[in-house]
Amino acid sequence: MKRLILMRHAKSDWPGPETDDHERTLNERGKSNAASLGIWLKEKDLRPDTVLCSTATRTRDTLALLKLEDQPDINFVKDLYLADAEKILATLQTADGDTVLLLGHNPGIADMAEQIVKTPPNRDGMHHYPTGATIAITFDVENWTDIDWHLGKVTHIVVPRDLPKPN
């Protein structure tokens, strides 16, 4: 059994046209939401062995604010920056561990969330996978190389607006 935690980065800032997209940081709401998501992961016992994270500043900041406790193996993957669903799947198929947290960007993350599961989640607002949206998916396979489209089963789903604000 393998488990994927697929997360879009938290809400980012857009200071102006001179800002490089790759270097955008989280805004205050995004920082708060990322902390709330970290608490939610802990409450749901969603503890990754491995993290695959885009190299963009906003994904790295989201990861840091999750405050994962179990010291997963963290991999910053340049190819996940603005990757499409096919590239995300190919990256996931190289993963180690039983539970992988994959942090990325739309539209690839939204497409991945819809295509990797047998039955896409029937939830308001999830079709565009808002910032901070997180879905946990299980796969009845032994190896990540066996992951393919329409094999996963959704076990948990959340968007930050549904979570209490951290203290």
N, C-alpha and C. Protein backbone atom coordinates (compact mmCIF):
# COMPACT_ATOMS: atom_id res chain seq x y z
N MET A 1 0.84 -1.18 0.00
CA MET A 1 0.00 0.00 0.00
C MET A 1 0.89 1.25 0.00
N LYS A 2 0.57 2.17 -0.88
CA LYS A 2 1.26 3.46 -0.94
C LYS A 2 0.25 4.57 -0.70
N ARG A 3 0.73 5.66 -0.11
CA ARG A 3 -0.16 6.79 0.15
C ARG A 3 0.50 8.07 -0.36
N LEU A 4 -0.28 8.85 -1.09
CA LEU A 4 0.15 10.14 -1.63
C LEU A 4 -0.63 11.25 -0.95
N ILE A 5 0.10 12.26 -0.51
CA ILE A 5 -0.51 13.49 -0.01
C ILE A 5 -0.17 14.56 -1.05
N LEU A 6 -1.16 14.97 -1.80
CA LEU A 6 -0.96 15.90 -2.90
C LEU A 6 -1.43 17.28 -2.45
N MET A 7 -0.49 18.23 -2.39
CA MET A 7 -0.78 19.55 -1.84
C MET A 7 -0.35 20.65 -2.81
N ARG A 8 -1.24 21.61 -3.00
CA ARG A 8 -0.87 22.82 -3.71
C ARG A 8 -0.31 23.81 -2.68
N HIS A 9 0.70 24.56 -3.07
CA HIS A 9 1.29 25.55 -2.17
C HIS A 9 0.22 26.47 -1.60
N ALA A 10 0.52 27.05 -0.45
CA ALA A 10 -0.40 28.00 0.19
C ALA A 10 -0.42 29.31 -0.60
N LYS A 11 -1.34 30.19 -0.23
CA LYS A 11 -1.56 31.46 -0.94
C LYS A 11 -0.30 32.31 -0.98
N SER A 12 0.05 32.73 -2.18
CA SER A 12 1.29 33.49 -2.36
C SER A 12 1.02 34.96 -2.63
N ASP A 13 2.07 35.73 -2.51
CA ASP A 13 2.03 37.16 -2.75
C ASP A 13 2.41 37.42 -4.20
N TRP A 14 1.94 38.52 -4.73
CA TRP A 14 2.33 38.95 -6.07
C TRP A 14 2.66 40.43 -5.99
N PRO A 15 3.88 40.76 -5.51
CA PRO A 15 4.23 42.16 -5.25
C PRO A 15 4.21 43.06 -6.48
N GLY A 16 4.50 42.54 -7.64
CA GLY A 16 4.50 43.37 -8.83
C GLY A 16 5.10 42.64 -10.01
N PRO A 17 5.02 43.25 -11.19
CA PRO A 17 5.49 42.59 -12.41
C PRO A 17 6.99 42.32 -12.42
N GLU A 18 7.74 43.03 -11.59
CA GLU A 18 9.19 42.81 -11.56
C GLU A 18 9.57 41.55 -10.78
N THR A 19 8.62 40.98 -10.05
CA THR A 19 8.89 39.79 -9.24
C THR A 19 8.90 38.55 -10.11
N ASP A 20 9.98 37.79 -10.02
CA ASP A 20 10.07 36.53 -10.74
C ASP A 20 9.09 35.53 -10.13
N ASP A 21 8.29 34.87 -10.95
CA ASP A 21 7.28 33.94 -10.46
C ASP A 21 7.87 32.87 -9.54
N HIS A 22 9.02 32.35 -9.89
CA HIS A 22 9.67 31.29 -9.10
C HIS A 22 10.01 31.76 -7.68
N GLU A 23 10.21 33.06 -7.51
CA GLU A 23 10.66 33.61 -6.22
C GLU A 23 9.53 34.19 -5.37
N ARG A 24 8.29 34.05 -5.81
CA ARG A 24 7.18 34.59 -5.03
C ARG A 24 7.09 33.93 -3.66
N THR A 25 6.80 34.74 -2.65
CA THR A 25 6.69 34.25 -1.27
C THR A 25 5.21 34.10 -0.89
N LEU A 26 4.97 33.54 0.27
CA LEU A 26 3.61 33.42 0.78
C LEU A 26 3.15 34.75 1.36
N ASN A 27 1.86 35.03 1.22
CA ASN A 27 1.31 36.20 1.91
C ASN A 27 0.91 35.77 3.32
N GLU A 28 0.38 36.70 4.11
CA GLU A 28 0.06 36.38 5.51
C GLU A 28 -0.99 35.28 5.61
N ARG A 29 -2.00 35.33 4.76
CA ARG A 29 -3.01 34.26 4.77
C ARG A 29 -2.39 32.92 4.43
N GLY A 30 -1.49 32.91 3.46
CA GLY A 30 -0.81 31.67 3.08
C GLY A 30 0.02 31.10 4.22
N LYS A 31 0.70 31.96 4.95
CA LYS A 31 1.51 31.50 6.09
C LYS A 31 0.62 30.85 7.15
N SER A 32 -0.49 31.50 7.46
CA SER A 32 -1.43 30.97 8.44
C SER A 32 -2.03 29.64 7.96
N ASN A 33 -2.41 29.61 6.68
CA ASN A 33 -3.00 28.39 6.12
C ASN A 33 -2.02 27.23 6.13
N ALA A 34 -0.77 27.49 5.80
CA ALA A 34 0.24 26.42 5.80
C ALA A 34 0.41 25.84 7.20
N ALA A 35 0.43 26.70 8.21
CA ALA A 35 0.53 26.22 9.59
C ALA A 35 -0.69 25.37 9.95
N SER A 36 -1.88 25.80 9.54
CA SER A 36 -3.10 25.03 9.79
C SER A 36 -3.06 23.68 9.09
N LEU A 37 -2.53 23.65 7.89
CA LEU A 37 -2.41 22.38 7.16
C LEU A 37 -1.46 21.43 7.87
N GLY A 38 -0.40 21.95 8.44
CA GLY A 38 0.52 21.11 9.20
C GLY A 38 -0.16 20.46 10.39
N ILE A 39 -0.98 21.22 11.08
CA ILE A 39 -1.74 20.68 12.22
C ILE A 39 -2.72 19.61 11.72
N TRP A 40 -3.40 19.88 10.62
CA TRP A 40 -4.35 18.92 10.04
C TRP A 40 -3.65 17.62 9.67
N LEU A 41 -2.48 17.71 9.03
CA LEU A 41 -1.74 16.50 8.67
C LEU A 41 -1.45 15.66 9.91
N LYS A 42 -1.02 16.31 10.97
CA LYS A 42 -0.71 15.60 12.21
C LYS A 42 -1.97 14.96 12.80
N GLU A 43 -3.07 15.71 12.82
CA GLU A 43 -4.33 15.19 13.37
C GLU A 43 -4.83 13.98 12.59
N LYS A 44 -4.61 13.96 11.29
CA LYS A 44 -5.07 12.85 10.44
C LYS A 44 -4.03 11.74 10.34
N ASP A 45 -2.93 11.89 11.07
CA ASP A 45 -1.83 10.92 11.05
C ASP A 45 -1.29 10.71 9.62
N LEU A 46 -1.21 11.80 8.88
CA LEU A 46 -0.64 11.79 7.53
C LEU A 46 0.80 12.27 7.65
N ARG A 47 1.69 11.32 7.86
CA ARG A 47 3.10 11.61 8.13
C ARG A 47 3.95 11.06 6.99
N PRO A 48 4.45 11.93 6.13
CA PRO A 48 5.21 11.45 4.98
C PRO A 48 6.59 10.91 5.36
N ASP A 49 7.01 9.87 4.63
CA ASP A 49 8.38 9.36 4.70
C ASP A 49 9.27 10.20 3.78
N THR A 50 8.66 10.64 2.68
CA THR A 50 9.37 11.35 1.62
C THR A 50 8.57 12.57 1.21
N VAL A 51 9.27 13.67 0.92
CA VAL A 51 8.64 14.87 0.38
C VAL A 51 9.27 15.15 -0.97
N LEU A 52 8.42 15.37 -1.97
CA LEU A 52 8.84 15.83 -3.29
C LEU A 52 8.26 17.23 -3.43
N CYS A 53 9.12 18.23 -3.51
CA CYS A 53 8.68 19.63 -3.45
C CYS A 53 9.29 20.42 -4.60
N SER A 54 8.47 21.20 -5.26
CA SER A 54 8.95 22.14 -6.27
C SER A 54 10.01 23.05 -5.64
N THR A 55 10.91 23.53 -6.45
CA THR A 55 11.96 24.42 -5.97
C THR A 55 11.49 25.86 -5.78
N ALA A 56 10.27 26.18 -6.18
CA ALA A 56 9.77 27.55 -6.04
C ALA A 56 9.72 27.96 -4.56
N THR A 57 9.95 29.24 -4.32
CA THR A 57 9.97 29.75 -2.95
C THR A 57 8.65 29.48 -2.23
N ARG A 58 7.52 29.65 -2.90
CA ARG A 58 6.23 29.48 -2.23
C ARG A 58 5.97 28.04 -1.80
N THR A 59 6.49 27.06 -2.55
CA THR A 59 6.32 25.66 -2.13
C THR A 59 7.27 25.34 -0.98
N ARG A 60 8.48 25.85 -1.06
CA ARG A 60 9.46 25.63 0.02
C ARG A 60 8.98 26.28 1.33
N ASP A 61 8.40 27.48 1.22
CA ASP A 61 7.86 28.16 2.41
C ASP A 61 6.68 27.38 2.99
N THR A 62 5.81 26.88 2.12
CA THR A 62 4.68 26.07 2.58
C THR A 62 5.19 24.86 3.35
N LEU A 63 6.16 24.17 2.78
CA LEU A 63 6.73 22.98 3.43
C LEU A 63 7.30 23.33 4.80
N ALA A 64 8.05 24.41 4.89
CA ALA A 64 8.66 24.79 6.17
C ALA A 64 7.60 25.05 7.24
N LEU A 65 6.50 25.68 6.85
CA LEU A 65 5.46 26.04 7.81
C LEU A 65 4.59 24.85 8.22
N LEU A 66 4.67 23.74 7.49
CA LEU A 66 3.94 22.53 7.89
C LEU A 66 4.52 21.94 9.18
N LYS A 67 5.79 22.22 9.42
CA LYS A 67 6.49 21.74 10.62
C LYS A 67 6.34 20.22 10.79
N LEU A 68 6.72 19.49 9.75
CA LEU A 68 6.66 18.03 9.81
C LEU A 68 7.62 17.53 10.87
N GLU A 69 7.16 16.64 11.72
CA GLU A 69 7.94 16.21 12.88
C GLU A 69 8.84 15.01 12.64
N ASP A 70 8.48 14.15 11.74
CA ASP A 70 9.16 12.86 11.63
C ASP A 70 10.39 12.87 10.72
N GLN A 71 10.88 14.04 10.38
CA GLN A 71 12.09 14.17 9.56
C GLN A 71 12.04 13.33 8.28
N PRO A 72 11.08 13.61 7.41
CA PRO A 72 11.03 12.87 6.15
C PRO A 72 12.23 13.21 5.27
N ASP A 73 12.47 12.37 4.29
CA ASP A 73 13.49 12.61 3.28
C ASP A 73 12.94 13.68 2.34
N ILE A 74 13.54 14.86 2.33
CA ILE A 74 13.02 15.99 1.54
C ILE A 74 13.83 16.14 0.26
N ASN A 75 13.11 16.16 -0.86
CA ASN A 75 13.72 16.32 -2.18
C ASN A 75 13.11 17.52 -2.87
N PHE A 76 13.94 18.52 -3.19
CA PHE A 76 13.47 19.66 -3.96
C PHE A 76 13.72 19.34 -5.43
N VAL A 77 12.63 19.32 -6.20
CA VAL A 77 12.66 18.83 -7.58
C VAL A 77 12.32 19.97 -8.53
N LYS A 78 13.32 20.41 -9.28
CA LYS A 78 13.13 21.52 -10.21
C LYS A 78 12.02 21.23 -11.22
N ASP A 79 11.93 19.99 -11.67
CA ASP A 79 10.93 19.62 -12.68
C ASP A 79 9.49 19.74 -12.18
N LEU A 80 9.28 19.87 -10.88
CA LEU A 80 7.91 20.04 -10.36
C LEU A 80 7.42 21.48 -10.47
N TYR A 81 8.32 22.42 -10.74
CA TYR A 81 7.90 23.81 -10.89
C TYR A 81 7.05 23.93 -12.15
N LEU A 82 5.77 24.24 -11.96
CA LEU A 82 4.78 24.39 -13.04
C LEU A 82 4.66 23.14 -13.91
N ALA A 83 4.90 21.97 -13.34
CA ALA A 83 4.83 20.71 -14.07
C ALA A 83 3.39 20.35 -14.42
N ASP A 84 3.23 19.67 -15.57
CA ASP A 84 1.91 19.14 -15.90
C ASP A 84 1.72 17.80 -15.19
N ALA A 85 0.53 17.24 -15.30
CA ALA A 85 0.20 16.01 -14.57
C ALA A 85 1.11 14.85 -14.98
N GLU A 86 1.46 14.77 -16.24
CA GLU A 86 2.34 13.68 -16.71
C GLU A 86 3.71 13.76 -16.04
N LYS A 87 4.27 14.96 -15.93
CA LYS A 87 5.57 15.14 -15.29
C LYS A 87 5.47 14.85 -13.79
N ILE A 88 4.37 15.25 -13.18
CA ILE A 88 4.17 14.95 -11.76
C ILE A 88 4.10 13.45 -11.54
N LEU A 89 3.35 12.75 -12.37
CA LEU A 89 3.26 11.29 -12.26
C LEU A 89 4.62 10.64 -12.44
N ALA A 90 5.37 11.07 -13.43
CA ALA A 90 6.71 10.51 -13.67
C ALA A 90 7.62 10.74 -12.47
N THR A 91 7.52 11.91 -11.85
CA THR A 91 8.33 12.20 -10.66
C THR A 91 7.90 11.31 -9.50
N LEU A 92 6.60 11.17 -9.30
CA LEU A 92 6.08 10.32 -8.23
C LEU A 92 6.55 8.87 -8.39
N GLN A 93 6.62 8.41 -9.60
CA GLN A 93 7.02 7.02 -9.85
C GLN A 93 8.48 6.74 -9.48
N THR A 94 9.24 7.77 -9.18
CA THR A 94 10.64 7.59 -8.74
C THR A 94 10.78 7.67 -7.22
N ALA A 95 9.67 7.84 -6.52
CA ALA A 95 9.70 8.09 -5.07
C ALA A 95 10.10 6.86 -4.26
N ASP A 96 10.57 7.13 -3.05
CA ASP A 96 10.84 6.10 -2.05
C ASP A 96 9.87 6.30 -0.89
N GLY A 97 9.77 5.29 -0.03
CA GLY A 97 8.91 5.39 1.15
C GLY A 97 7.50 4.96 0.85
N ASP A 98 6.72 4.82 1.91
CA ASP A 98 5.32 4.40 1.75
C ASP A 98 4.36 5.56 1.64
N THR A 99 4.71 6.69 2.25
CA THR A 99 3.85 7.88 2.20
C THR A 99 4.66 9.05 1.66
N VAL A 100 4.17 9.62 0.56
CA VAL A 100 4.86 10.73 -0.10
C VAL A 100 3.98 11.98 -0.05
N LEU A 101 4.57 13.09 0.38
CA LEU A 101 3.94 14.40 0.27
C LEU A 101 4.53 15.06 -0.97
N LEU A 102 3.66 15.43 -1.91
CA LEU A 102 4.11 16.09 -3.13
C LEU A 102 3.51 17.49 -3.14
N LEU A 103 4.38 18.51 -3.15
CA LEU A 103 3.99 19.92 -3.12
C LEU A 103 4.26 20.56 -4.46
N GLY A 104 3.22 21.11 -5.09
CA GLY A 104 3.41 21.70 -6.40
C GLY A 104 2.44 22.82 -6.70
N HIS A 105 2.16 22.98 -7.99
CA HIS A 105 1.46 24.15 -8.53
C HIS A 105 0.33 23.73 -9.46
N ASN A 106 -0.62 24.65 -9.62
CA ASN A 106 -1.64 24.48 -10.65
C ASN A 106 -1.08 24.95 -11.99
N PRO A 107 -1.59 24.45 -13.10
CA PRO A 107 -2.73 23.55 -13.20
C PRO A 107 -2.36 22.06 -13.04
N GLY A 108 -1.09 21.74 -12.97
CA GLY A 108 -0.67 20.34 -12.92
C GLY A 108 -1.19 19.59 -11.71
N ILE A 109 -1.16 20.23 -10.53
CA ILE A 109 -1.64 19.57 -9.31
C ILE A 109 -3.13 19.26 -9.42
N ALA A 110 -3.92 20.19 -9.92
CA ALA A 110 -5.36 19.97 -10.09
C ALA A 110 -5.61 18.82 -11.06
N ASP A 111 -4.90 18.82 -12.17
CA ASP A 111 -5.06 17.74 -13.15
C ASP A 111 -4.66 16.40 -12.55
N MET A 112 -3.57 16.38 -11.81
CA MET A 112 -3.10 15.15 -11.16
C MET A 112 -4.15 14.64 -10.18
N ALA A 113 -4.69 15.52 -9.34
CA ALA A 113 -5.68 15.12 -8.35
C ALA A 113 -6.91 14.50 -9.00
N GLU A 114 -7.28 15.00 -10.15
CA GLU A 114 -8.46 14.49 -10.84
C GLU A 114 -8.19 13.17 -11.57
N GLN A 115 -7.01 13.04 -12.16
CA GLN A 115 -6.72 11.88 -13.01
C GLN A 115 -6.15 10.68 -12.27
N ILE A 116 -5.55 10.89 -11.10
CA ILE A 116 -4.85 9.80 -10.42
C ILE A 116 -5.82 8.92 -9.62
N VAL A 117 -7.04 9.41 -9.39
CA VAL A 117 -8.01 8.67 -8.57
C VAL A 117 -9.08 8.01 -9.43
N LYS A 118 -9.63 6.91 -8.89
CA LYS A 118 -10.73 6.22 -9.58
C LYS A 118 -11.93 7.13 -9.70
N THR A 119 -12.26 7.79 -8.59
CA THR A 119 -13.42 8.67 -8.54
C THR A 119 -12.97 10.03 -8.03
N PRO A 120 -12.98 11.06 -8.89
CA PRO A 120 -12.57 12.39 -8.43
C PRO A 120 -13.46 12.88 -7.30
N PRO A 121 -12.90 13.64 -6.37
CA PRO A 121 -13.70 14.13 -5.24
C PRO A 121 -14.85 15.01 -5.71
N ASN A 122 -16.01 14.77 -5.14
CA ASN A 122 -17.19 15.57 -5.46
C ASN A 122 -17.32 16.63 -4.37
N ARG A 123 -16.58 17.68 -4.55
CA ARG A 123 -16.53 18.70 -3.51
C ARG A 123 -16.46 20.08 -4.16
N ASP A 124 -17.24 21.00 -3.64
CA ASP A 124 -17.24 22.37 -4.16
C ASP A 124 -15.84 22.96 -4.20
N GLY A 125 -15.50 23.56 -5.31
CA GLY A 125 -14.24 24.29 -5.43
C GLY A 125 -13.02 23.44 -5.72
N MET A 126 -13.14 22.12 -5.67
CA MET A 126 -11.96 21.29 -5.86
C MET A 126 -11.56 21.13 -7.32
N HIS A 127 -12.46 21.44 -8.25
CA HIS A 127 -12.11 21.29 -9.66
C HIS A 127 -10.95 22.19 -10.06
N HIS A 128 -10.77 23.32 -9.37
CA HIS A 128 -9.62 24.18 -9.69
C HIS A 128 -8.53 24.10 -8.63
N TYR A 129 -8.69 23.25 -7.64
CA TYR A 129 -7.68 22.97 -6.62
C TYR A 129 -7.09 24.27 -6.05
N PRO A 130 -7.81 24.93 -5.16
CA PRO A 130 -7.36 26.23 -4.63
C PRO A 130 -6.06 26.12 -3.85
N THR A 131 -5.43 27.26 -3.61
CA THR A 131 -4.17 27.25 -2.87
C THR A 131 -4.35 26.54 -1.53
N GLY A 132 -3.39 25.69 -1.20
CA GLY A 132 -3.43 24.93 0.03
C GLY A 132 -4.28 23.67 -0.02
N ALA A 133 -5.03 23.47 -1.09
CA ALA A 133 -5.86 22.26 -1.20
C ALA A 133 -4.97 21.04 -1.04
N THR A 134 -5.46 20.08 -0.28
CA THR A 134 -4.68 18.87 0.01
C THR A 134 -5.60 17.67 -0.08
N ILE A 135 -5.11 16.63 -0.73
CA ILE A 135 -5.87 15.39 -0.87
C ILE A 135 -4.93 14.23 -0.54
N ALA A 136 -5.42 13.30 0.26
CA ALA A 136 -4.65 12.08 0.56
C ALA A 136 -5.28 10.94 -0.21
N ILE A 137 -4.42 10.16 -0.86
CA ILE A 137 -4.86 9.11 -1.77
C ILE A 137 -4.08 7.84 -1.46
N THR A 138 -4.77 6.71 -1.40
CA THR A 138 -4.08 5.43 -1.22
C THR A 138 -4.11 4.65 -2.53
N PHE A 139 -3.09 3.82 -2.69
CA PHE A 139 -2.95 2.97 -3.87
C PHE A 139 -2.64 1.56 -3.40
N ASP A 140 -3.34 0.59 -3.94
CA ASP A 140 -3.11 -0.81 -3.59
C ASP A 140 -2.01 -1.37 -4.49
N VAL A 141 -0.79 -0.86 -4.28
CA VAL A 141 0.38 -1.30 -5.05
C VAL A 141 1.56 -1.44 -4.09
N GLU A 142 2.57 -2.15 -4.52
CA GLU A 142 3.78 -2.35 -3.70
C GLU A 142 4.84 -1.29 -3.97
N ASN A 143 4.88 -0.79 -5.21
CA ASN A 143 5.95 0.13 -5.63
C ASN A 143 5.36 1.36 -6.30
N TRP A 144 6.03 2.49 -6.12
CA TRP A 144 5.60 3.72 -6.77
C TRP A 144 5.64 3.59 -8.28
N THR A 145 6.49 2.75 -8.80
CA THR A 145 6.55 2.57 -10.26
C THR A 145 5.25 1.99 -10.81
N ASP A 146 4.43 1.39 -9.94
CA ASP A 146 3.16 0.79 -10.38
C ASP A 146 1.99 1.78 -10.36
N ILE A 147 2.24 2.99 -9.88
CA ILE A 147 1.19 4.01 -9.84
C ILE A 147 0.86 4.44 -11.26
N ASP A 148 -0.43 4.57 -11.53
CA ASP A 148 -0.87 5.04 -12.84
C ASP A 148 -2.22 5.74 -12.68
N TRP A 149 -2.73 6.26 -13.76
CA TRP A 149 -3.98 7.01 -13.74
C TRP A 149 -5.14 6.14 -13.26
N HIS A 150 -6.04 6.74 -12.53
CA HIS A 150 -7.32 6.16 -12.10
C HIS A 150 -7.17 4.95 -11.18
N LEU A 151 -6.08 4.88 -10.41
CA LEU A 151 -5.88 3.77 -9.48
C LEU A 151 -6.11 4.15 -8.02
N GLY A 152 -6.06 5.41 -7.70
CA GLY A 152 -6.08 5.85 -6.31
C GLY A 152 -7.47 5.97 -5.71
N LYS A 153 -7.49 5.90 -4.38
CA LYS A 153 -8.73 6.08 -3.62
C LYS A 153 -8.53 7.24 -2.64
N VAL A 154 -9.40 8.22 -2.71
CA VAL A 154 -9.33 9.39 -1.83
C VAL A 154 -9.68 8.97 -0.40
N THR A 155 -8.81 9.32 0.55
CA THR A 155 -9.09 9.04 1.96
C THR A 155 -9.34 10.31 2.77
N HIS A 156 -8.73 11.41 2.38
CA HIS A 156 -8.90 12.68 3.09
C HIS A 156 -8.81 13.81 2.06
N ILE A 157 -9.53 14.87 2.35
CA ILE A 157 -9.47 16.04 1.48
C ILE A 157 -9.77 17.28 2.33
N VAL A 158 -9.03 18.35 2.06
CA VAL A 158 -9.25 19.58 2.81
C VAL A 158 -8.80 20.79 2.00
N VAL A 159 -9.46 21.90 2.24
CA VAL A 159 -9.00 23.19 1.76
C VAL A 159 -8.83 24.08 3.00
N PRO A 160 -7.88 24.99 2.98
CA PRO A 160 -7.58 25.77 4.19
C PRO A 160 -8.76 26.51 4.80
N ARG A 161 -9.70 26.96 3.99
CA ARG A 161 -10.83 27.72 4.56
C ARG A 161 -11.68 26.86 5.51
N ASP A 162 -11.53 25.52 5.42
CA ASP A 162 -12.28 24.62 6.30
C ASP A 162 -11.58 24.36 7.63
N LEU A 163 -10.37 24.88 7.78
CA LEU A 163 -9.57 24.59 8.97
C LEU A 163 -9.59 25.75 9.96
N PRO A 164 -9.51 25.44 11.26
CA PRO A 164 -9.37 26.53 12.23
C PRO A 164 -8.00 27.19 12.08
N LYS A 165 -7.94 28.45 12.41
CA LYS A 165 -6.67 29.18 12.36
C LYS A 165 -5.79 28.73 13.52
N PRO A 166 -4.47 28.59 13.29
CA PRO A 166 -3.58 28.18 14.38
C PRO A 166 -3.47 29.30 15.42
N ASN A 167 -3.15 28.92 16.64
CA ASN A 167 -2.98 29.91 17.72
C ASN A 167 -1.66 30.61 17.60
